[in-house]
């Protein structure tokens, strides 16, 4: 059974998710955000040696800020990020920590993923979907019937597209890719409340049948 606990962390209220597979007795974190005693307590209570991955949806400071610290505490956990966002972990202009005045301790990812990458998580498979738009290397993760979208899809909207490497055309294509998923997945966003894919298809204006036009 997959269990998901959500923690709101940091100055921008990012969501950090602690995901456990109780059948296989393994766990992972998605988007570490800022330092959180509650997150560390959850990892330790389940078993610090059972943390297999630290999955990052993209490289902005409010989603990666505690990663270096957690890697020191749980060195066996593999840090995963989209290959095109790999430079963000060591570049304060790209990860926006310089702009927001919130320093990020630099680190390197252990695993770089791209569209279609699959990772083993106990008896399950983590599926990676490349979703550029908010950042050039943003990704979403599917685990079971759960979709972790970072700042690609948030309830009834998307993430911003005006930060470095952001691109509105890419975002519209990424949203179309997510909308085309047939199943009604649970949607766990980078900020705000969770949702479902059917709800977003019905209410998220960015999932409408509109065409991108360079003139507007």
C-alpha atoms as a PDB file:
ATOM      1  CA  UNK A   1       0.000   0.000   0.000  1.00  0.00           C
ATOM      2  CA  UNK A   2       1.216   3.492  -0.892  1.00  0.00           C
ATOM      3  CA  UNK A   3       0.863   6.092   1.855  1.00  0.00           C
ATOM      4  CA  UNK A   4       1.508   9.803   1.316  1.00  0.00           C
ATOM      5  CA  UNK A   5       2.119  12.472   3.935  1.00  0.00           C
ATOM      6  CA  UNK A   6       2.320  16.115   2.939  1.00  0.00           C
ATOM      7  CA  UNK A   7       4.361  18.786   4.728  1.00  0.00           C
ATOM      8  CA  UNK A   8       4.240  22.498   3.936  1.00  0.00           C
ATOM      9  CA  UNK A   9       7.724  23.955   4.302  1.00  0.00           C
ATOM     10  CA  UNK A  10       9.648  27.182   3.777  1.00  0.00           C
ATOM     11  CA  UNK A  11       8.812  30.812   3.073  1.00  0.00           C
ATOM     12  CA  UNK A  12       6.926  30.003  -0.148  1.00  0.00           C
ATOM     13  CA  UNK A  13       4.880  27.196   1.445  1.00  0.00           C
ATOM     14  CA  UNK A  14       6.119  24.421  -0.823  1.00  0.00           C
ATOM     15  CA  UNK A  15       4.815  20.901  -0.424  1.00  0.00           C
ATOM     16  CA  UNK A  16       7.237  18.157   0.584  1.00  0.00           C
ATOM     17  CA  UNK A  17       5.827  14.632   0.240  1.00  0.00           C
ATOM     18  CA  UNK A  18       6.922  11.588   2.221  1.00  0.00           C
ATOM     19  CA  UNK A  19       5.840   8.493   0.324  1.00  0.00           C
ATOM     20  CA  UNK A  20       5.985   4.985   1.753  1.00  0.00           C
ATOM     21  CA  UNK A  21       5.311   1.594   0.221  1.00  0.00           C
ATOM     22  CA  UNK A  22       4.342  -0.475   3.225  1.00  0.00           C
ATOM     23  CA  UNK A  23       4.253  -3.683   1.175  1.00  0.00           C
ATOM     24  CA  UNK A  24       7.940  -3.370   0.239  1.00  0.00           C
ATOM     25  CA  UNK A  25       9.015  -1.367   3.311  1.00  0.00           C
ATOM     26  CA  UNK A  26      10.669   1.457   1.354  1.00  0.00           C
ATOM     27  CA  UNK A  27      10.179   5.219   1.309  1.00  0.00           C
ATOM     28  CA  UNK A  28      11.066   8.350  -0.632  1.00  0.00           C
ATOM     29  CA  UNK A  29      10.791  12.115  -0.409  1.00  0.00           C
ATOM     30  CA  UNK A  30       9.523  14.393  -3.156  1.00  0.00           C
ATOM     31  CA  UNK A  31      10.785  18.013  -3.111  1.00  0.00           C
ATOM     32  CA  UNK A  32      12.662  18.697   0.107  1.00  0.00           C
ATOM     33  CA  UNK A  33      11.899  22.397   0.378  1.00  0.00           C
ATOM     34  CA  UNK A  34      13.267  24.018   3.525  1.00  0.00           C
ATOM     35  CA  UNK A  35      14.512  22.285   6.665  1.00  0.00           C
ATOM     36  CA  UNK A  36      11.704  20.557   8.551  1.00  0.00           C
ATOM     37  CA  UNK A  37      11.943  18.587  11.772  1.00  0.00           C
ATOM     38  CA  UNK A  38       8.570  17.007  11.001  1.00  0.00           C
ATOM     39  CA  UNK A  39       9.888  15.584   7.724  1.00  0.00           C
ATOM     40  CA  UNK A  40      12.998  14.164   9.373  1.00  0.00           C
ATOM     41  CA  UNK A  41      10.913  12.669  12.179  1.00  0.00           C
ATOM     42  CA  UNK A  42       8.704  10.937   9.615  1.00  0.00           C
ATOM     43  CA  UNK A  43      11.735   9.480   7.822  1.00  0.00           C
ATOM     44  CA  UNK A  44      13.311   8.321  11.072  1.00  0.00           C
ATOM     45  CA  UNK A  45      10.104   6.778  12.407  1.00  0.00           C
ATOM     46  CA  UNK A  46       9.625   4.710   9.256  1.00  0.00           C
ATOM     47  CA  UNK A  47      13.316   3.830   9.178  1.00  0.00           C
ATOM     48  CA  UNK A  48      16.159   6.048   8.032  1.00  0.00           C
ATOM     49  CA  UNK A  49      17.770   3.133   6.174  1.00  0.00           C
ATOM     50  CA  UNK A  50      14.571   2.642   4.159  1.00  0.00           C
ATOM     51  CA  UNK A  51      14.723   6.038   2.381  1.00  0.00           C
ATOM     52  CA  UNK A  52      15.565   5.079  -1.198  1.00  0.00           C
ATOM     53  CA  UNK A  53      15.125   8.320  -3.162  1.00  0.00           C
ATOM     54  CA  UNK A  54      14.907  12.079  -2.887  1.00  0.00           C
ATOM     55  CA  UNK A  55      12.919  12.970  -5.996  1.00  0.00           C
ATOM     56  CA  UNK A  56      13.030  16.585  -7.186  1.00  0.00           C
ATOM     57  CA  UNK A  57      10.404  17.864  -9.608  1.00  0.00           C
ATOM     58  CA  UNK A  58      12.551  20.870 -10.561  1.00  0.00           C
ATOM     59  CA  UNK A  59      15.481  22.921  -9.371  1.00  0.00           C
ATOM     60  CA  UNK A  60      14.038  26.009  -7.661  1.00  0.00           C
ATOM     61  CA  UNK A  61      15.272  26.778  -4.149  1.00  0.00           C
ATOM     62  CA  UNK A  62      11.885  26.318  -2.490  1.00  0.00           C
ATOM     63  CA  UNK A  63      11.837  22.704  -3.696  1.00  0.00           C
ATOM     64  CA  UNK A  64      15.508  21.714  -3.311  1.00  0.00           C
ATOM     65  CA  UNK A  65      16.593  23.805  -0.321  1.00  0.00           C
ATOM     66  CA  UNK A  66      16.968  20.998   2.216  1.00  0.00           C
ATOM     67  CA  UNK A  67      18.355  18.382  -0.154  1.00  0.00           C
ATOM     68  CA  UNK A  68      22.047  18.693   0.729  1.00  0.00           C
ATOM     69  CA  UNK A  69      21.244  18.480   4.434  1.00  0.00           C
ATOM     70  CA  UNK A  70      19.050  15.399   3.971  1.00  0.00           C
ATOM     71  CA  UNK A  71      21.675  13.709   1.812  1.00  0.00           C
ATOM     72  CA  UNK A  72      24.162  14.063   4.682  1.00  0.00           C
ATOM     73  CA  UNK A  73      21.668  12.543   7.106  1.00  0.00           C
ATOM     74  CA  UNK A  74      20.532   9.778   4.748  1.00  0.00           C
ATOM     75  CA  UNK A  75      23.497   9.111   2.435  1.00  0.00           C
ATOM     76  CA  UNK A  76      21.972   5.981   0.894  1.00  0.00           C
ATOM     77  CA  UNK A  77      19.057   7.943  -0.569  1.00  0.00           C
ATOM     78  CA  UNK A  78      19.629   8.721  -4.250  1.00  0.00           C
ATOM     79  CA  UNK A  79      18.940  12.305  -5.356  1.00  0.00           C
ATOM     80  CA  UNK A  80      16.943  12.369  -8.605  1.00  0.00           C
ATOM     81  CA  UNK A  81      16.304  15.360 -10.881  1.00  0.00           C
ATOM     82  CA  UNK A  82      15.498  16.014 -14.537  1.00  0.00           C
ATOM     83  CA  UNK A  83      18.708  16.043 -16.565  1.00  0.00           C
ATOM     84  CA  UNK A  84      18.158  19.556 -17.923  1.00  0.00           C
ATOM     85  CA  UNK A  85      17.628  20.929 -14.403  1.00  0.00           C
ATOM     86  CA  UNK A  86      20.873  19.396 -13.102  1.00  0.00           C
ATOM     87  CA  UNK A  87      22.740  22.755 -13.294  1.00  0.00           C
ATOM     88  CA  UNK A  88      20.193  24.352 -10.936  1.00  0.00           C
ATOM     89  CA  UNK A  89      21.602  22.523  -7.906  1.00  0.00           C
ATOM     90  CA  UNK A  90      24.847  24.518  -8.141  1.00  0.00           C
ATOM     91  CA  UNK A  91      23.676  27.775  -9.707  1.00  0.00           C
ATOM     92  CA  UNK A  92      22.019  30.326  -7.427  1.00  0.00           C
ATOM     93  CA  UNK A  93      20.725  32.379 -10.347  1.00  0.00           C
ATOM     94  CA  UNK A  94      18.937  29.422 -11.894  1.00  0.00           C
ATOM     95  CA  UNK A  95      17.547  28.085  -8.613  1.00  0.00           C
ATOM     96  CA  UNK A  96      16.400  31.616  -7.671  1.00  0.00           C
ATOM     97  CA  UNK A  97      18.022  31.561  -4.223  1.00  0.00           C
ATOM     98  CA  UNK A  98      20.045  34.635  -5.195  1.00  0.00           C
ATOM     99  CA  UNK A  99      16.891  36.487  -6.234  1.00  0.00           C
ATOM    100  CA  UNK A 100      14.926  35.556  -3.109  1.00  0.00           C
ATOM    101  CA  UNK A 101      17.864  35.888  -0.705  1.00  0.00           C
ATOM    102  CA  UNK A 102      17.572  32.332   0.620  1.00  0.00           C
ATOM    103  CA  UNK A 103      20.903  30.501   0.187  1.00  0.00           C
ATOM    104  CA  UNK A 104      20.920  26.880  -0.975  1.00  0.00           C
ATOM    105  CA  UNK A 105      23.753  24.516  -0.095  1.00  0.00           C
ATOM    106  CA  UNK A 106      24.998  23.150  -3.398  1.00  0.00           C
ATOM    107  CA  UNK A 107      24.874  19.457  -4.250  1.00  0.00           C
ATOM    108  CA  UNK A 108      24.970  17.075  -7.208  1.00  0.00           C
ATOM    109  CA  UNK A 109      22.199  14.659  -8.139  1.00  0.00           C
ATOM    110  CA  UNK A 110      22.905  10.934  -8.191  1.00  0.00           C
ATOM    111  CA  UNK A 111      20.426  10.109 -10.959  1.00  0.00           C
ATOM    112  CA  UNK A 112      19.420  12.280 -13.926  1.00  0.00           C
ATOM    113  CA  UNK A 113      16.112  11.385 -15.548  1.00  0.00           C
ATOM    114  CA  UNK A 114      14.296  12.246 -18.745  1.00  0.00           C
ATOM    115  CA  UNK A 115      10.929  11.544 -20.329  1.00  0.00           C
ATOM    116  CA  UNK A 116      10.057   7.876 -19.985  1.00  0.00           C
ATOM    117  CA  UNK A 117      12.667   6.999 -17.358  1.00  0.00           C
ATOM    118  CA  UNK A 118      11.479   4.353 -14.918  1.00  0.00           C
ATOM    119  CA  UNK A 119      12.840   3.797 -11.410  1.00  0.00           C
ATOM    120  CA  UNK A 120      12.284   0.785  -9.190  1.00  0.00           C
ATOM    121  CA  UNK A 121      10.546   1.488  -5.891  1.00  0.00           C
ATOM    122  CA  UNK A 122      10.044  -1.748  -4.014  1.00  0.00           C
ATOM    123  CA  UNK A 123       7.700  -3.829  -6.143  1.00  0.00           C
ATOM    124  CA  UNK A 124       6.488  -0.707  -7.940  1.00  0.00           C
ATOM    125  CA  UNK A 125       7.745   1.474 -10.770  1.00  0.00           C
ATOM    126  CA  UNK A 126       8.169   5.251 -10.675  1.00  0.00           C
ATOM    127  CA  UNK A 127       7.401   6.700 -14.104  1.00  0.00           C
ATOM    128  CA  UNK A 128       8.984  10.002 -15.129  1.00  0.00           C
ATOM    129  CA  UNK A 129       7.242  12.496 -17.413  1.00  0.00           C
ATOM    130  CA  UNK A 130       9.286  15.429 -18.719  1.00  0.00           C
ATOM    131  CA  UNK A 131       7.233  18.609 -18.272  1.00  0.00           C
ATOM    132  CA  UNK A 132       9.293  21.687 -19.180  1.00  0.00           C
ATOM    133  CA  UNK A 133       7.669  25.094 -18.921  1.00  0.00           C
ATOM    134  CA  UNK A 134       8.184  26.239 -15.344  1.00  0.00           C
ATOM    135  CA  UNK A 135      11.835  25.216 -15.753  1.00  0.00           C
ATOM    136  CA  UNK A 136      13.550  23.621 -18.725  1.00  0.00           C
ATOM    137  CA  UNK A 137      14.049  20.294 -16.964  1.00  0.00           C
ATOM    138  CA  UNK A 138      10.943  20.006 -14.835  1.00  0.00           C
ATOM    139  CA  UNK A 139       9.489  16.525 -14.423  1.00  0.00           C
ATOM    140  CA  UNK A 140       6.433  14.859 -12.933  1.00  0.00           C
ATOM    141  CA  UNK A 141       6.434  11.473 -11.226  1.00  0.00           C
ATOM    142  CA  UNK A 142       3.737   8.786 -11.350  1.00  0.00           C
ATOM    143  CA  UNK A 143       3.705   6.303  -8.465  1.00  0.00           C
ATOM    144  CA  UNK A 144       0.730   3.967  -8.563  1.00  0.00           C
ATOM    145  CA  UNK A 145      -2.366   6.118  -9.099  1.00  0.00           C
ATOM    146  CA  UNK A 146      -0.618   9.246  -7.820  1.00  0.00           C
ATOM    147  CA  UNK A 147       0.851  12.055  -9.931  1.00  0.00           C
ATOM    148  CA  UNK A 148       3.345  14.461  -8.356  1.00  0.00           C
ATOM    149  CA  UNK A 149       3.407  17.583 -10.494  1.00  0.00           C
ATOM    150  CA  UNK A 150       5.688  20.074  -8.750  1.00  0.00           C
ATOM    151  CA  UNK A 151       4.946  23.486 -10.234  1.00  0.00           C
ATOM    152  CA  UNK A 152       3.697  22.190 -13.576  1.00  0.00           C
ATOM    153  CA  UNK A 153       0.096  21.665 -12.494  1.00  0.00           C
ATOM    154  CA  UNK A 154      -1.390  23.256  -9.413  1.00  0.00           C
ATOM    155  CA  UNK A 155      -5.064  23.230  -8.572  1.00  0.00           C
ATOM    156  CA  UNK A 156      -6.822  25.019 -11.474  1.00  0.00           C
ATOM    157  CA  UNK A 157      -3.626  26.666 -12.710  1.00  0.00           C
ATOM    158  CA  UNK A 158       0.039  26.142 -13.587  1.00  0.00           C
ATOM    159  CA  UNK A 159       3.333  27.418 -12.260  1.00  0.00           C
ATOM    160  CA  UNK A 160       4.898  30.646 -13.477  1.00  0.00           C
ATOM    161  CA  UNK A 161       6.666  30.696 -16.814  1.00  0.00           C
ATOM    162  CA  UNK A 162       8.682  33.913 -16.490  1.00  0.00           C
ATOM    163  CA  UNK A 163      11.631  32.638 -14.439  1.00  0.00           C
ATOM    164  CA  UNK A 164      14.966  31.709 -16.094  1.00  0.00           C
ATOM    165  CA  UNK A 165      14.480  28.794 -18.566  1.00  0.00           C
ATOM    166  CA  UNK A 166      10.684  29.021 -18.209  1.00  0.00           C
ATOM    167  CA  UNK A 167       8.727  28.947 -21.456  1.00  0.00           C
ATOM    168  CA  UNK A 168       5.003  29.295 -22.092  1.00  0.00           C
ATOM    169  CA  UNK A 169       4.977  27.190 -25.255  1.00  0.00           C
ATOM    170  CA  UNK A 170       6.726  24.359 -23.392  1.00  0.00           C
ATOM    171  CA  UNK A 171       4.272  24.678 -20.515  1.00  0.00           C
ATOM    172  CA  UNK A 172       1.237  24.411 -22.793  1.00  0.00           C
ATOM    173  CA  UNK A 173       2.685  21.284 -24.399  1.00  0.00           C
ATOM    174  CA  UNK A 174       3.462  19.780 -20.992  1.00  0.00           C
ATOM    175  CA  UNK A 175      -0.051  20.455 -19.732  1.00  0.00           C
ATOM    176  CA  UNK A 176      -1.482  18.813 -22.869  1.00  0.00           C
ATOM    177  CA  UNK A 177       0.697  15.782 -22.167  1.00  0.00           C
ATOM    178  CA  UNK A 178      -0.637  15.546 -18.612  1.00  0.00           C
ATOM    179  CA  UNK A 179      -4.228  16.078 -19.751  1.00  0.00           C
ATOM    180  CA  UNK A 180      -3.867  13.171 -22.191  1.00  0.00           C
ATOM    181  CA  UNK A 181      -3.228  10.650 -19.398  1.00  0.00           C
ATOM    182  CA  UNK A 182      -6.255   8.373 -19.484  1.00  0.00           C
ATOM    183  CA  UNK A 183      -6.505   7.510 -15.799  1.00  0.00           C
ATOM    184  CA  UNK A 184      -8.013   9.737 -13.128  1.00  0.00           C
ATOM    185  CA  UNK A 185      -4.880  10.074 -11.013  1.00  0.00           C
ATOM    186  CA  UNK A 186      -4.576  11.807  -7.657  1.00  0.00           C
ATOM    187  CA  UNK A 187      -2.636  15.022  -8.255  1.00  0.00           C
ATOM    188  CA  UNK A 188      -0.155  16.191  -5.631  1.00  0.00           C
ATOM    189  CA  UNK A 189       1.022  19.701  -6.419  1.00  0.00           C
ATOM    190  CA  UNK A 190       4.132  21.687  -5.511  1.00  0.00           C
ATOM    191  CA  UNK A 191       2.056  24.311  -3.709  1.00  0.00           C
ATOM    192  CA  UNK A 192      -1.494  24.365  -2.383  1.00  0.00           C
ATOM    193  CA  UNK A 193      -4.055  21.617  -2.130  1.00  0.00           C
ATOM    194  CA  UNK A 194      -4.066  18.270  -3.885  1.00  0.00           C
ATOM    195  CA  UNK A 195      -6.501  17.562  -6.693  1.00  0.00           C
ATOM    196  CA  UNK A 196      -7.439  14.892  -9.212  1.00  0.00           C
ATOM    197  CA  UNK A 197      -6.714  14.726 -12.902  1.00  0.00           C
ATOM    198  CA  UNK A 198     -10.412  14.603 -13.789  1.00  0.00           C
ATOM    199  CA  UNK A 199     -11.037  17.747 -11.734  1.00  0.00           C
ATOM    200  CA  UNK A 200      -8.168  19.542 -13.457  1.00  0.00           C
ATOM    201  CA  UNK A 201      -9.370  18.447 -16.885  1.00  0.00           C
ATOM    202  CA  UNK A 202     -12.760  19.957 -16.045  1.00  0.00           C
ATOM    203  CA  UNK A 203     -11.661  23.136 -14.237  1.00  0.00           C
ATOM    204  CA  UNK A 204      -8.060  24.028 -15.105  1.00  0.00           C
ATOM    205  CA  UNK A 205      -8.221  26.630 -17.879  1.00  0.00           C
ATOM    206  CA  UNK A 206      -4.751  25.630 -19.089  1.00  0.00           C
ATOM    207  CA  UNK A 207      -6.158  22.221 -20.049  1.00  0.00           C
ATOM    208  CA  UNK A 208      -8.642  23.778 -22.464  1.00  0.00           C
ATOM    209  CA  UNK A 209      -8.533  23.218 -26.240  1.00  0.00           C
ATOM    210  CA  UNK A 210      -6.850  26.527 -27.029  1.00  0.00           C
ATOM    211  CA  UNK A 211      -4.049  27.038 -29.535  1.00  0.00           C
ATOM    212  CA  UNK A 212      -0.831  28.849 -28.719  1.00  0.00           C
ATOM    213  CA  UNK A 213      -0.372  31.989 -30.846  1.00  0.00           C
ATOM    214  CA  UNK A 214       2.901  33.900 -30.981  1.00  0.00           C
ATOM    215  CA  UNK A 215       1.005  37.144 -31.627  1.00  0.00           C
ATOM    216  CA  UNK A 216      -0.571  37.258 -28.160  1.00  0.00           C
END
